[in-house]
Amino acid sequence: MRLQLQALPFQALQQLPCSFNFPPRQHKDVTIKGSHSQHPSESVKSLPRRVFLQLMAFSPMSLCIYPLFAAPMQDMNEPEVIRTLKLSSGVRIQEIIEGEGPEARDGDYVQINYVCRRSNGYFVHSTVDQFSGESSPATLPLDENQIIKGLKDVLTGMKVGGKRRALIPPSVGYINENLKPIPDEFGPRRSLLSHAKEPLIFEVQLLKIL
């Protein structure tokens, strides 16, 4: 359903709540004196701010924040969650897409794309470039001695094409710097490890079971 916008008269727009509330101003007389005696002084009345904005091609519409007249925004709804799991390790999992085929098991090597964020939503690292959309999938063994245990728990039982979102507490996260997945580049690596003592959110997609 498309939102139909209808132009309103200027008087109606003045009634809308505005993000900028200017106090009413009285007209002032401004005296401009000539630089030479042959030019007489002139008295000019200043314009009210609202009239001035109109003359400068602004309208109250451009200053107001009002949902009815806002441009339609893209649909930013959260993906539908199939099921939610809470593991004994404290990991919380949301199943978004179930996937197809056999499940990943302990000892398997898997290829995944992932996005890692802090619990407040701030981006930390991803195998998918945020600008180009190109991906560099990570290949990981489902072995808690080589990858963070929380992520291993998330990946175990997933099917190819499946997507999960998980909150991983630090106790089953980066308890040492050698655990994967971790960026090769110094900057992203340092950024990730600086948040190792925080809960982290991983959004993962299982691409292959190798």
N, C-alpha and C. Protein backbone atom coordinates (compact mmCIF):
# COMPACT_ATOMS: atom_id res chain seq x y z
N MET A 1 0.85 -1.20 0.00
CA MET A 1 0.00 0.00 0.00
C MET A 1 0.88 1.24 0.00
N ARG A 2 0.72 2.11 -0.95
CA ARG A 2 1.56 3.31 -1.06
C ARG A 2 0.91 4.47 -0.35
N LEU A 3 1.72 5.26 0.30
CA LEU A 3 1.24 6.42 1.02
C LEU A 3 1.02 7.56 0.05
N GLN A 4 -0.20 8.09 0.02
CA GLN A 4 -0.52 9.21 -0.86
C GLN A 4 -0.34 10.51 -0.08
N LEU A 5 0.49 11.40 -0.59
CA LEU A 5 0.73 12.67 0.07
C LEU A 5 -0.11 13.75 -0.60
N GLN A 6 -0.72 14.57 0.20
CA GLN A 6 -1.55 15.65 -0.32
C GLN A 6 -1.02 16.97 0.19
N ALA A 7 -0.85 17.92 -0.70
CA ALA A 7 -0.34 19.23 -0.30
C ALA A 7 -1.34 19.93 0.61
N LEU A 8 -0.83 20.57 1.65
CA LEU A 8 -1.67 21.31 2.58
C LEU A 8 -1.43 22.80 2.40
N PRO A 9 -2.42 23.61 2.72
CA PRO A 9 -2.21 25.06 2.65
C PRO A 9 -1.15 25.49 3.65
N PHE A 10 -0.53 26.61 3.35
CA PHE A 10 0.54 27.11 4.20
C PHE A 10 0.07 27.31 5.64
N GLN A 11 -1.16 27.75 5.83
CA GLN A 11 -1.66 27.98 7.20
C GLN A 11 -1.71 26.69 7.99
N ALA A 12 -2.04 25.58 7.31
CA ALA A 12 -2.11 24.29 8.01
C ALA A 12 -0.72 23.81 8.39
N LEU A 13 0.25 24.04 7.52
CA LEU A 13 1.61 23.61 7.81
C LEU A 13 2.17 24.32 9.03
N GLN A 14 1.73 25.55 9.24
CA GLN A 14 2.23 26.29 10.38
C GLN A 14 1.80 25.67 11.70
N GLN A 15 0.75 24.84 11.67
CA GLN A 15 0.24 24.25 12.89
C GLN A 15 0.98 22.98 13.27
N LEU A 16 1.78 22.41 12.33
CA LEU A 16 2.46 21.16 12.61
C LEU A 16 3.58 21.39 13.61
N PRO A 17 3.87 20.35 14.47
CA PRO A 17 4.99 20.48 15.40
C PRO A 17 6.29 20.54 14.64
N CYS A 18 7.20 21.37 15.08
CA CYS A 18 8.44 21.59 14.37
C CYS A 18 9.63 21.21 15.23
N SER A 19 10.71 20.80 14.59
CA SER A 19 11.92 20.51 15.33
C SER A 19 12.64 21.80 15.72
N PHE A 20 12.32 22.89 15.08
CA PHE A 20 12.87 24.19 15.41
C PHE A 20 11.73 25.11 15.81
N ASN A 21 11.72 25.55 17.03
CA ASN A 21 10.66 26.44 17.50
C ASN A 21 11.25 27.83 17.69
N PHE A 22 10.94 28.73 16.78
CA PHE A 22 11.45 30.08 16.87
C PHE A 22 10.45 30.96 17.63
N PRO A 23 10.90 31.73 18.59
CA PRO A 23 9.98 32.63 19.28
C PRO A 23 9.53 33.74 18.35
N PRO A 24 8.33 34.25 18.56
CA PRO A 24 7.86 35.34 17.70
C PRO A 24 8.74 36.56 17.85
N ARG A 25 8.98 37.24 16.76
CA ARG A 25 9.85 38.41 16.79
C ARG A 25 9.08 39.64 16.30
N GLN A 26 9.37 40.71 16.92
CA GLN A 26 8.76 41.97 16.52
C GLN A 26 9.56 42.56 15.37
N HIS A 27 8.87 43.31 14.50
CA HIS A 27 9.56 44.02 13.42
C HIS A 27 10.49 45.05 14.02
N LYS A 28 11.68 45.13 13.49
CA LYS A 28 12.64 46.11 13.96
C LYS A 28 12.99 47.06 12.83
N ASP A 29 13.23 48.27 13.22
CA ASP A 29 13.70 49.26 12.25
C ASP A 29 15.21 49.23 12.23
N VAL A 30 15.75 49.10 11.05
CA VAL A 30 17.20 49.10 10.89
C VAL A 30 17.57 50.34 10.10
N THR A 31 18.47 51.13 10.62
CA THR A 31 18.89 52.35 9.96
C THR A 31 20.18 52.12 9.22
N ILE A 32 20.19 52.41 7.95
CA ILE A 32 21.38 52.27 7.12
C ILE A 32 21.84 53.68 6.76
N LYS A 33 23.00 54.01 7.25
CA LYS A 33 23.52 55.35 7.02
C LYS A 33 24.39 55.36 5.78
N GLY A 34 24.25 56.42 5.00
CA GLY A 34 25.07 56.53 3.80
C GLY A 34 26.51 56.81 4.14
N SER A 35 27.41 56.33 3.30
CA SER A 35 28.84 56.53 3.55
C SER A 35 29.27 57.96 3.21
N HIS A 36 28.42 58.69 2.43
CA HIS A 36 28.72 60.08 2.06
C HIS A 36 27.55 60.94 2.45
N SER A 37 27.82 62.17 2.65
CA SER A 37 26.77 63.09 3.11
C SER A 37 25.68 63.28 2.07
N GLN A 38 26.00 63.06 0.77
CA GLN A 38 24.98 63.28 -0.25
C GLN A 38 23.95 62.17 -0.28
N HIS A 39 24.22 61.04 0.40
CA HIS A 39 23.26 59.96 0.43
C HIS A 39 22.50 60.01 1.73
N PRO A 40 21.19 60.24 1.69
CA PRO A 40 20.43 60.33 2.93
C PRO A 40 20.31 58.97 3.61
N SER A 41 20.08 58.99 4.91
CA SER A 41 19.85 57.75 5.66
C SER A 41 18.50 57.19 5.30
N GLU A 42 18.41 55.85 5.30
CA GLU A 42 17.16 55.19 4.95
C GLU A 42 16.76 54.27 6.09
N SER A 43 15.45 54.10 6.26
CA SER A 43 14.93 53.21 7.29
C SER A 43 14.32 51.99 6.61
N VAL A 44 14.80 50.80 6.99
CA VAL A 44 14.33 49.57 6.38
C VAL A 44 13.78 48.67 7.46
N LYS A 45 12.61 48.07 7.21
CA LYS A 45 12.01 47.14 8.16
C LYS A 45 12.54 45.74 7.89
N SER A 46 13.00 45.03 8.97
CA SER A 46 13.48 43.65 8.80
C SER A 46 12.30 42.72 8.59
N LEU A 47 12.53 41.64 7.85
CA LEU A 47 11.48 40.67 7.56
C LEU A 47 11.37 39.66 8.70
N PRO A 48 10.16 39.18 8.96
CA PRO A 48 10.02 38.09 9.91
C PRO A 48 10.79 36.86 9.42
N ARG A 49 11.26 36.03 10.35
CA ARG A 49 12.07 34.86 9.98
C ARG A 49 11.34 33.93 9.02
N ARG A 50 10.02 33.70 9.27
CA ARG A 50 9.28 32.75 8.43
C ARG A 50 9.19 33.26 6.99
N VAL A 51 8.97 34.55 6.83
CA VAL A 51 8.90 35.12 5.49
C VAL A 51 10.26 35.03 4.82
N PHE A 52 11.31 35.30 5.61
CA PHE A 52 12.66 35.21 5.06
C PHE A 52 12.95 33.81 4.54
N LEU A 53 12.55 32.78 5.31
CA LEU A 53 12.79 31.40 4.89
C LEU A 53 12.04 31.07 3.60
N GLN A 54 10.81 31.61 3.49
CA GLN A 54 10.05 31.39 2.27
C GLN A 54 10.77 31.99 1.06
N LEU A 55 11.29 33.20 1.24
CA LEU A 55 11.97 33.85 0.14
C LEU A 55 13.24 33.10 -0.25
N MET A 56 13.85 32.40 0.71
CA MET A 56 15.07 31.64 0.44
C MET A 56 14.76 30.22 -0.01
N ALA A 57 13.50 29.97 -0.38
CA ALA A 57 13.07 28.67 -0.94
C ALA A 57 12.97 27.59 0.12
N PHE A 58 12.86 27.97 1.42
CA PHE A 58 12.57 27.02 2.47
C PHE A 58 11.09 27.10 2.79
N SER A 59 10.58 26.01 3.32
CA SER A 59 9.20 26.02 3.80
C SER A 59 9.17 25.32 5.13
N PRO A 60 8.12 25.55 5.93
CA PRO A 60 8.02 24.84 7.21
C PRO A 60 8.09 23.34 7.03
N MET A 61 7.70 22.83 5.84
CA MET A 61 7.77 21.38 5.62
C MET A 61 9.19 20.89 5.78
N SER A 62 10.19 21.69 5.33
CA SER A 62 11.56 21.23 5.39
C SER A 62 12.12 21.25 6.79
N LEU A 63 11.45 21.94 7.71
CA LEU A 63 11.94 22.03 9.07
C LEU A 63 11.17 21.14 10.02
N CYS A 64 10.07 20.60 9.60
CA CYS A 64 9.22 19.82 10.48
C CYS A 64 9.53 18.35 10.41
N ILE A 65 9.35 17.67 11.52
CA ILE A 65 9.45 16.22 11.56
C ILE A 65 8.08 15.71 11.92
N TYR A 66 7.38 15.14 10.96
CA TYR A 66 6.01 14.71 11.18
C TYR A 66 5.77 13.45 10.38
N PRO A 67 5.39 12.36 11.04
CA PRO A 67 5.34 11.06 10.36
C PRO A 67 4.46 11.02 9.13
N LEU A 68 3.36 11.74 9.14
CA LEU A 68 2.41 11.66 8.04
C LEU A 68 3.03 12.12 6.73
N PHE A 69 3.94 13.09 6.81
CA PHE A 69 4.48 13.69 5.61
C PHE A 69 5.91 13.22 5.32
N ALA A 70 6.42 12.29 6.12
CA ALA A 70 7.77 11.80 5.89
C ALA A 70 7.79 10.90 4.65
N ALA A 71 8.97 10.86 4.00
CA ALA A 71 9.11 9.98 2.85
C ALA A 71 9.02 8.53 3.31
N PRO A 72 8.35 7.67 2.54
CA PRO A 72 8.25 6.26 2.94
C PRO A 72 9.63 5.66 3.09
N MET A 73 9.83 4.86 4.15
CA MET A 73 11.11 4.24 4.43
C MET A 73 11.07 2.77 4.02
N GLN A 74 12.25 2.23 3.78
CA GLN A 74 12.33 0.84 3.41
C GLN A 74 11.91 -0.03 4.59
N ASP A 75 11.41 -1.20 4.27
CA ASP A 75 10.98 -2.14 5.30
C ASP A 75 12.21 -2.67 6.03
N MET A 76 12.31 -2.36 7.34
CA MET A 76 13.46 -2.76 8.12
C MET A 76 13.06 -3.79 9.17
N ASN A 77 12.02 -4.59 8.91
CA ASN A 77 11.56 -5.56 9.88
C ASN A 77 12.61 -6.63 10.12
N GLU A 78 12.65 -7.13 11.34
CA GLU A 78 13.53 -8.22 11.69
C GLU A 78 13.10 -9.49 10.96
N PRO A 79 14.06 -10.35 10.59
CA PRO A 79 13.67 -11.62 9.95
C PRO A 79 12.86 -12.47 10.92
N GLU A 80 11.97 -13.27 10.36
CA GLU A 80 11.13 -14.13 11.19
C GLU A 80 11.98 -15.22 11.82
N VAL A 81 11.80 -15.43 13.12
CA VAL A 81 12.56 -16.43 13.85
C VAL A 81 11.73 -17.71 13.94
N ILE A 82 12.33 -18.82 13.49
CA ILE A 82 11.63 -20.10 13.51
C ILE A 82 11.54 -20.64 14.93
N ARG A 83 12.68 -20.63 15.63
CA ARG A 83 12.71 -21.11 17.00
C ARG A 83 13.85 -20.45 17.75
N THR A 84 13.76 -20.46 19.06
CA THR A 84 14.79 -19.89 19.92
C THR A 84 15.28 -20.97 20.88
N LEU A 85 16.60 -21.08 21.02
CA LEU A 85 17.19 -22.09 21.89
C LEU A 85 18.10 -21.42 22.91
N LYS A 86 18.15 -21.97 24.12
CA LYS A 86 19.12 -21.52 25.12
C LYS A 86 19.89 -22.75 25.58
N LEU A 87 21.21 -22.74 25.35
CA LEU A 87 22.04 -23.87 25.70
C LEU A 87 22.55 -23.75 27.13
N SER A 88 23.01 -24.86 27.67
CA SER A 88 23.51 -24.87 29.06
C SER A 88 24.75 -23.98 29.21
N SER A 89 25.48 -23.75 28.11
CA SER A 89 26.67 -22.90 28.13
C SER A 89 26.32 -21.42 28.24
N GLY A 90 25.03 -21.08 28.11
CA GLY A 90 24.60 -19.69 28.13
C GLY A 90 24.40 -19.10 26.76
N VAL A 91 24.74 -19.85 25.72
CA VAL A 91 24.54 -19.38 24.34
C VAL A 91 23.05 -19.36 24.02
N ARG A 92 22.60 -18.25 23.45
CA ARG A 92 21.21 -18.12 23.01
C ARG A 92 21.19 -18.10 21.49
N ILE A 93 20.36 -18.95 20.90
CA ILE A 93 20.33 -19.12 19.44
C ILE A 93 18.95 -18.82 18.90
N GLN A 94 18.92 -18.06 17.81
CA GLN A 94 17.69 -17.86 17.04
C GLN A 94 17.86 -18.53 15.68
N GLU A 95 16.98 -19.45 15.37
CA GLU A 95 17.00 -20.12 14.07
C GLU A 95 16.19 -19.26 13.10
N ILE A 96 16.85 -18.80 12.02
CA ILE A 96 16.19 -17.92 11.05
C ILE A 96 15.82 -18.68 9.78
N ILE A 97 16.77 -19.47 9.26
CA ILE A 97 16.52 -20.35 8.12
C ILE A 97 17.04 -21.73 8.50
N GLU A 98 16.24 -22.76 8.29
CA GLU A 98 16.61 -24.09 8.75
C GLU A 98 17.63 -24.77 7.85
N GLY A 99 17.61 -24.50 6.57
CA GLY A 99 18.55 -25.15 5.66
C GLY A 99 18.06 -26.53 5.23
N GLU A 100 18.88 -27.22 4.42
CA GLU A 100 18.51 -28.53 3.88
C GLU A 100 19.69 -29.48 3.93
N GLY A 101 19.38 -30.77 3.91
CA GLY A 101 20.43 -31.77 3.85
C GLY A 101 20.90 -32.23 5.21
N PRO A 102 22.06 -32.89 5.26
CA PRO A 102 22.58 -33.42 6.53
C PRO A 102 23.03 -32.31 7.46
N GLU A 103 23.07 -32.62 8.75
CA GLU A 103 23.49 -31.65 9.75
C GLU A 103 25.00 -31.69 9.95
N ALA A 104 25.57 -30.54 10.29
CA ALA A 104 26.99 -30.47 10.64
C ALA A 104 27.19 -31.12 12.01
N ARG A 105 28.28 -31.90 12.15
CA ARG A 105 28.54 -32.62 13.40
C ARG A 105 29.96 -32.35 13.90
N ASP A 106 30.21 -32.75 15.14
CA ASP A 106 31.55 -32.59 15.71
C ASP A 106 32.60 -33.19 14.78
N GLY A 107 33.69 -32.44 14.59
CA GLY A 107 34.78 -32.93 13.76
C GLY A 107 34.67 -32.55 12.30
N ASP A 108 33.48 -32.13 11.84
CA ASP A 108 33.33 -31.70 10.45
C ASP A 108 34.07 -30.39 10.20
N TYR A 109 34.47 -30.18 8.95
CA TYR A 109 34.94 -28.87 8.51
C TYR A 109 33.77 -28.20 7.78
N VAL A 110 33.55 -26.94 8.11
CA VAL A 110 32.43 -26.22 7.50
C VAL A 110 32.92 -24.91 6.92
N GLN A 111 32.20 -24.45 5.91
CA GLN A 111 32.47 -23.14 5.32
C GLN A 111 31.29 -22.23 5.63
N ILE A 112 31.59 -21.06 6.20
CA ILE A 112 30.52 -20.16 6.66
C ILE A 112 30.81 -18.72 6.26
N ASN A 113 29.75 -17.95 6.19
CA ASN A 113 29.83 -16.49 6.24
C ASN A 113 29.28 -16.06 7.58
N TYR A 114 29.86 -15.01 8.13
CA TYR A 114 29.37 -14.54 9.43
C TYR A 114 29.55 -13.04 9.56
N VAL A 115 28.75 -12.49 10.45
CA VAL A 115 28.91 -11.11 10.90
C VAL A 115 28.98 -11.14 12.41
N CYS A 116 29.99 -10.50 12.96
CA CYS A 116 30.15 -10.42 14.41
C CYS A 116 29.87 -9.00 14.87
N ARG A 117 29.02 -8.87 15.88
CA ARG A 117 28.69 -7.56 16.43
C ARG A 117 28.78 -7.60 17.96
N ARG A 118 28.95 -6.42 18.54
CA ARG A 118 28.84 -6.32 19.99
C ARG A 118 27.37 -6.45 20.38
N SER A 119 27.11 -6.68 21.66
CA SER A 119 25.73 -6.88 22.11
C SER A 119 24.87 -5.63 21.93
N ASN A 120 25.52 -4.45 21.79
CA ASN A 120 24.76 -3.22 21.54
C ASN A 120 24.53 -2.98 20.06
N GLY A 121 24.95 -3.93 19.20
CA GLY A 121 24.70 -3.82 17.76
C GLY A 121 25.85 -3.28 16.95
N TYR A 122 26.91 -2.77 17.60
CA TYR A 122 28.01 -2.19 16.85
C TYR A 122 28.81 -3.27 16.11
N PHE A 123 29.14 -2.97 14.87
CA PHE A 123 29.86 -3.90 14.00
C PHE A 123 31.27 -4.15 14.52
N VAL A 124 31.71 -5.41 14.45
CA VAL A 124 33.08 -5.77 14.83
C VAL A 124 33.83 -6.35 13.63
N HIS A 125 33.29 -7.41 13.02
CA HIS A 125 33.97 -8.04 11.90
C HIS A 125 32.99 -8.87 11.09
N SER A 126 33.32 -9.09 9.80
CA SER A 126 32.46 -9.87 8.94
C SER A 126 33.26 -10.47 7.80
N THR A 127 32.80 -11.61 7.29
CA THR A 127 33.41 -12.18 6.08
C THR A 127 32.82 -11.57 4.82
N VAL A 128 31.80 -10.73 4.97
CA VAL A 128 31.15 -10.07 3.83
C VAL A 128 31.46 -8.58 3.88
N ASP A 129 32.04 -8.07 2.81
CA ASP A 129 32.38 -6.65 2.75
C ASP A 129 31.11 -5.81 2.80
N GLN A 130 31.08 -4.83 3.70
CA GLN A 130 29.87 -4.02 3.89
C GLN A 130 29.55 -3.13 2.70
N PHE A 131 30.54 -2.82 1.89
CA PHE A 131 30.34 -1.89 0.78
C PHE A 131 30.15 -2.61 -0.55
N SER A 132 31.03 -3.56 -0.85
CA SER A 132 30.95 -4.25 -2.15
C SER A 132 30.03 -5.46 -2.11
N GLY A 133 29.81 -6.03 -0.93
CA GLY A 133 29.00 -7.24 -0.82
C GLY A 133 29.77 -8.51 -1.12
N GLU A 134 31.05 -8.38 -1.46
CA GLU A 134 31.86 -9.56 -1.74
C GLU A 134 32.17 -10.30 -0.43
N SER A 135 32.20 -11.64 -0.53
CA SER A 135 32.43 -12.42 0.68
C SER A 135 33.72 -13.21 0.58
N SER A 136 34.32 -13.44 1.73
CA SER A 136 35.51 -14.30 1.86
C SER A 136 35.19 -15.32 2.95
N PRO A 137 34.47 -16.39 2.60
CA PRO A 137 33.99 -17.33 3.60
C PRO A 137 35.13 -17.92 4.44
N ALA A 138 34.81 -18.23 5.69
CA ALA A 138 35.77 -18.84 6.60
C ALA A 138 35.54 -20.34 6.63
N THR A 139 36.64 -21.10 6.62
CA THR A 139 36.57 -22.55 6.76
C THR A 139 37.02 -22.91 8.16
N LEU A 140 36.17 -23.59 8.91
CA LEU A 140 36.43 -23.86 10.32
C LEU A 140 36.19 -25.32 10.65
N PRO A 141 37.00 -25.88 11.56
CA PRO A 141 36.71 -27.22 12.06
C PRO A 141 35.76 -27.12 13.26
N LEU A 142 34.85 -28.04 13.37
CA LEU A 142 33.96 -28.04 14.54
C LEU A 142 34.69 -28.75 15.69
N ASP A 143 35.66 -28.02 16.21
CA ASP A 143 36.52 -28.52 17.27
C ASP A 143 36.76 -27.37 18.23
N GLU A 144 36.30 -27.51 19.47
CA GLU A 144 36.37 -26.39 20.42
C GLU A 144 37.79 -26.05 20.84
N ASN A 145 38.77 -26.86 20.46
CA ASN A 145 40.16 -26.52 20.71
C ASN A 145 40.72 -25.59 19.65
N GLN A 146 39.97 -25.44 18.54
CA GLN A 146 40.45 -24.60 17.45
C GLN A 146 39.55 -23.39 17.19
N ILE A 147 38.27 -23.49 17.51
CA ILE A 147 37.36 -22.35 17.35
C ILE A 147 36.69 -22.07 18.69
N ILE A 148 36.09 -20.89 18.80
CA ILE A 148 35.43 -20.57 20.07
C ILE A 148 34.26 -21.54 20.30
N LYS A 149 34.17 -22.02 21.52
CA LYS A 149 33.20 -23.07 21.83
C LYS A 149 31.77 -22.62 21.54
N GLY A 150 31.47 -21.37 21.83
CA GLY A 150 30.11 -20.89 21.60
C GLY A 150 29.71 -20.98 20.15
N LEU A 151 30.63 -20.65 19.24
CA LEU A 151 30.31 -20.72 17.81
C LEU A 151 30.23 -22.17 17.35
N LYS A 152 31.07 -23.03 17.91
CA LYS A 152 31.00 -24.45 17.58
C LYS A 152 29.63 -25.02 17.96
N ASP A 153 29.12 -24.61 19.13
CA ASP A 153 27.79 -25.05 19.56
C ASP A 153 26.70 -24.54 18.61
N VAL A 154 26.89 -23.34 18.09
CA VAL A 154 25.91 -22.75 17.16
C VAL A 154 25.89 -23.52 15.85
N LEU A 155 27.07 -23.86 15.34
CA LEU A 155 27.18 -24.49 14.03
C LEU A 155 26.79 -25.97 14.05
N THR A 156 27.01 -26.62 15.18
CA THR A 156 26.67 -28.04 15.28
C THR A 156 25.15 -28.21 15.16
N GLY A 157 24.75 -29.03 14.23
CA GLY A 157 23.32 -29.26 13.99
C GLY A 157 22.73 -28.41 12.89
N MET A 158 23.50 -27.45 12.36
CA MET A 158 23.00 -26.64 11.25
C MET A 158 23.05 -27.43 9.95
N LYS A 159 22.17 -27.07 9.03
CA LYS A 159 22.13 -27.66 7.69
C LYS A 159 22.59 -26.62 6.68
N VAL A 160 23.07 -27.10 5.53
CA VAL A 160 23.56 -26.20 4.48
C VAL A 160 22.45 -25.23 4.06
N GLY A 161 22.82 -23.96 3.99
CA GLY A 161 21.84 -22.92 3.65
C GLY A 161 21.16 -22.34 4.89
N GLY A 162 21.39 -22.95 6.03
CA GLY A 162 20.77 -22.47 7.26
C GLY A 162 21.40 -21.19 7.78
N LYS A 163 20.61 -20.42 8.49
CA LYS A 163 21.09 -19.18 9.11
C LYS A 163 20.67 -19.16 10.58
N ARG A 164 21.61 -18.75 11.40
CA ARG A 164 21.34 -18.59 12.82
C ARG A 164 21.95 -17.30 13.34
N ARG A 165 21.31 -16.77 14.36
CA ARG A 165 21.85 -15.62 15.10
C ARG A 165 22.03 -16.06 16.53
N ALA A 166 23.18 -15.74 17.13
CA ALA A 166 23.45 -16.24 18.47
C ALA A 166 24.14 -15.18 19.32
N LEU A 167 23.79 -15.16 20.59
CA LEU A 167 24.48 -14.34 21.58
C LEU A 167 25.42 -15.27 22.34
N ILE A 168 26.73 -14.99 22.23
CA ILE A 168 27.75 -15.87 22.81
C ILE A 168 28.41 -15.16 23.99
N PRO A 169 28.27 -15.70 25.19
CA PRO A 169 28.91 -15.06 26.36
C PRO A 169 30.43 -15.24 26.31
N PRO A 170 31.18 -14.36 26.98
CA PRO A 170 32.64 -14.42 26.90
C PRO A 170 33.24 -15.71 27.45
N SER A 171 32.53 -16.40 28.33
CA SER A 171 33.06 -17.65 28.91
C SER A 171 33.23 -18.75 27.88
N VAL A 172 32.49 -18.67 26.75
CA VAL A 172 32.64 -19.64 25.66
C VAL A 172 32.99 -18.91 24.37
N GLY A 173 33.63 -17.75 24.53
CA GLY A 173 34.04 -16.95 23.39
C GLY A 173 35.55 -17.00 23.19
N TYR A 174 36.15 -15.82 23.03
CA TYR A 174 37.58 -15.74 22.75
C TYR A 174 38.37 -15.79 24.06
N ILE A 175 38.46 -17.00 24.65
CA ILE A 175 39.17 -17.16 25.91
C ILE A 175 40.68 -17.15 25.69
N ASN A 176 41.13 -17.33 24.45
CA ASN A 176 42.53 -17.07 24.11
C ASN A 176 42.59 -16.57 22.67
N GLU A 177 43.72 -15.97 22.32
CA GLU A 177 43.84 -15.26 21.04
C GLU A 177 44.05 -16.18 19.84
N ASN A 178 44.20 -17.46 20.08
CA ASN A 178 44.47 -18.38 18.98
C ASN A 178 43.21 -19.05 18.42
N LEU A 179 42.08 -18.79 19.07
CA LEU A 179 40.85 -19.43 18.61
C LEU A 179 40.28 -18.70 17.40
N LYS A 180 39.72 -19.47 16.50
CA LYS A 180 39.09 -18.92 15.30
C LYS A 180 37.58 -18.77 15.55
N PRO A 181 36.90 -18.00 14.70
CA PRO A 181 37.40 -17.21 13.56
C PRO A 181 37.99 -15.90 14.03
N ILE A 182 39.06 -15.50 13.37
CA ILE A 182 39.70 -14.25 13.73
C ILE A 182 40.32 -13.64 12.47
N PRO A 183 40.22 -12.34 12.28
CA PRO A 183 40.76 -11.71 11.06
C PRO A 183 42.27 -11.83 11.00
N ASP A 184 42.80 -11.90 9.78
CA ASP A 184 44.25 -11.91 9.59
C ASP A 184 44.83 -10.51 9.72
N GLU A 185 44.05 -9.49 9.32
CA GLU A 185 44.54 -8.11 9.35
C GLU A 185 44.68 -7.62 10.80
N PHE A 186 45.72 -6.83 11.03
CA PHE A 186 46.03 -6.38 12.39
C PHE A 186 44.89 -5.55 12.99
N GLY A 187 44.38 -4.57 12.22
CA GLY A 187 43.35 -3.67 12.75
C GLY A 187 42.08 -4.40 13.17
N PRO A 188 41.43 -5.14 12.24
CA PRO A 188 40.23 -5.89 12.62
C PRO A 188 40.49 -6.91 13.73
N ARG A 189 41.68 -7.53 13.71
CA ARG A 189 42.02 -8.52 14.75
C ARG A 189 42.06 -7.85 16.12
N ARG A 190 42.73 -6.69 16.19
CA ARG A 190 42.83 -5.98 17.46
C ARG A 190 41.45 -5.51 17.92
N SER A 191 40.63 -5.05 16.97
CA SER A 191 39.27 -4.60 17.32
C SER A 191 38.46 -5.74 17.92
N LEU A 192 38.56 -6.91 17.29
CA LEU A 192 37.79 -8.06 17.77
C LEU A 192 38.25 -8.49 19.16
N LEU A 193 39.56 -8.60 19.35
CA LEU A 193 40.07 -9.07 20.64
C LEU A 193 39.85 -8.04 21.75
N SER A 194 39.70 -6.77 21.38
CA SER A 194 39.43 -5.76 22.41
C SER A 194 38.05 -5.92 23.02
N HIS A 195 37.17 -6.67 22.34
CA HIS A 195 35.82 -6.92 22.87
C HIS A 195 35.66 -8.37 23.32
N ALA A 196 36.78 -9.07 23.53
CA ALA A 196 36.73 -10.50 23.86
C ALA A 196 36.05 -10.77 25.21
N LYS A 197 36.02 -9.79 26.09
CA LYS A 197 35.43 -10.00 27.41
C LYS A 197 33.97 -9.57 27.46
N GLU A 198 33.39 -9.30 26.28
CA GLU A 198 31.99 -8.93 26.19
C GLU A 198 31.19 -10.06 25.51
N PRO A 199 29.88 -10.11 25.76
CA PRO A 199 29.05 -11.00 24.93
C PRO A 199 29.08 -10.51 23.49
N LEU A 200 29.14 -11.42 22.54
CA LEU A 200 29.19 -11.08 21.13
C LEU A 200 28.03 -11.74 20.39
N ILE A 201 27.53 -11.04 19.39
CA ILE A 201 26.46 -11.59 18.55
C ILE A 201 27.06 -12.06 17.24
N PHE A 202 26.81 -13.31 16.90
CA PHE A 202 27.24 -13.86 15.61
C PHE A 202 26.00 -14.19 14.79
N GLU A 203 26.00 -13.70 13.55
CA GLU A 203 24.99 -14.10 12.58
C GLU A 203 25.72 -14.95 11.54
N VAL A 204 25.37 -16.22 11.45
CA VAL A 204 26.12 -17.15 10.61
C VAL A 204 25.22 -17.82 9.57
N GLN A 205 25.82 -18.07 8.41
CA GLN A 205 25.15 -18.85 7.37
C GLN A 205 26.08 -20.00 6.99
N LEU A 206 25.57 -21.22 7.04
CA LEU A 206 26.35 -22.40 6.69
C LEU A 206 26.30 -22.59 5.17
N LEU A 207 27.46 -22.48 4.54
CA LEU A 207 27.54 -22.60 3.08
C LEU A 207 27.81 -24.03 2.63
N LYS A 208 28.74 -24.70 3.31
CA LYS A 208 29.14 -26.06 2.91
C LYS A 208 29.55 -26.86 4.13
N ILE A 209 29.35 -28.18 4.04
CA ILE A 209 29.98 -29.12 4.96
C ILE A 209 31.02 -29.86 4.14
N LEU A 210 32.30 -29.73 4.50
CA LEU A 210 33.40 -30.24 3.69
C LEU A 210 33.77 -31.67 4.08
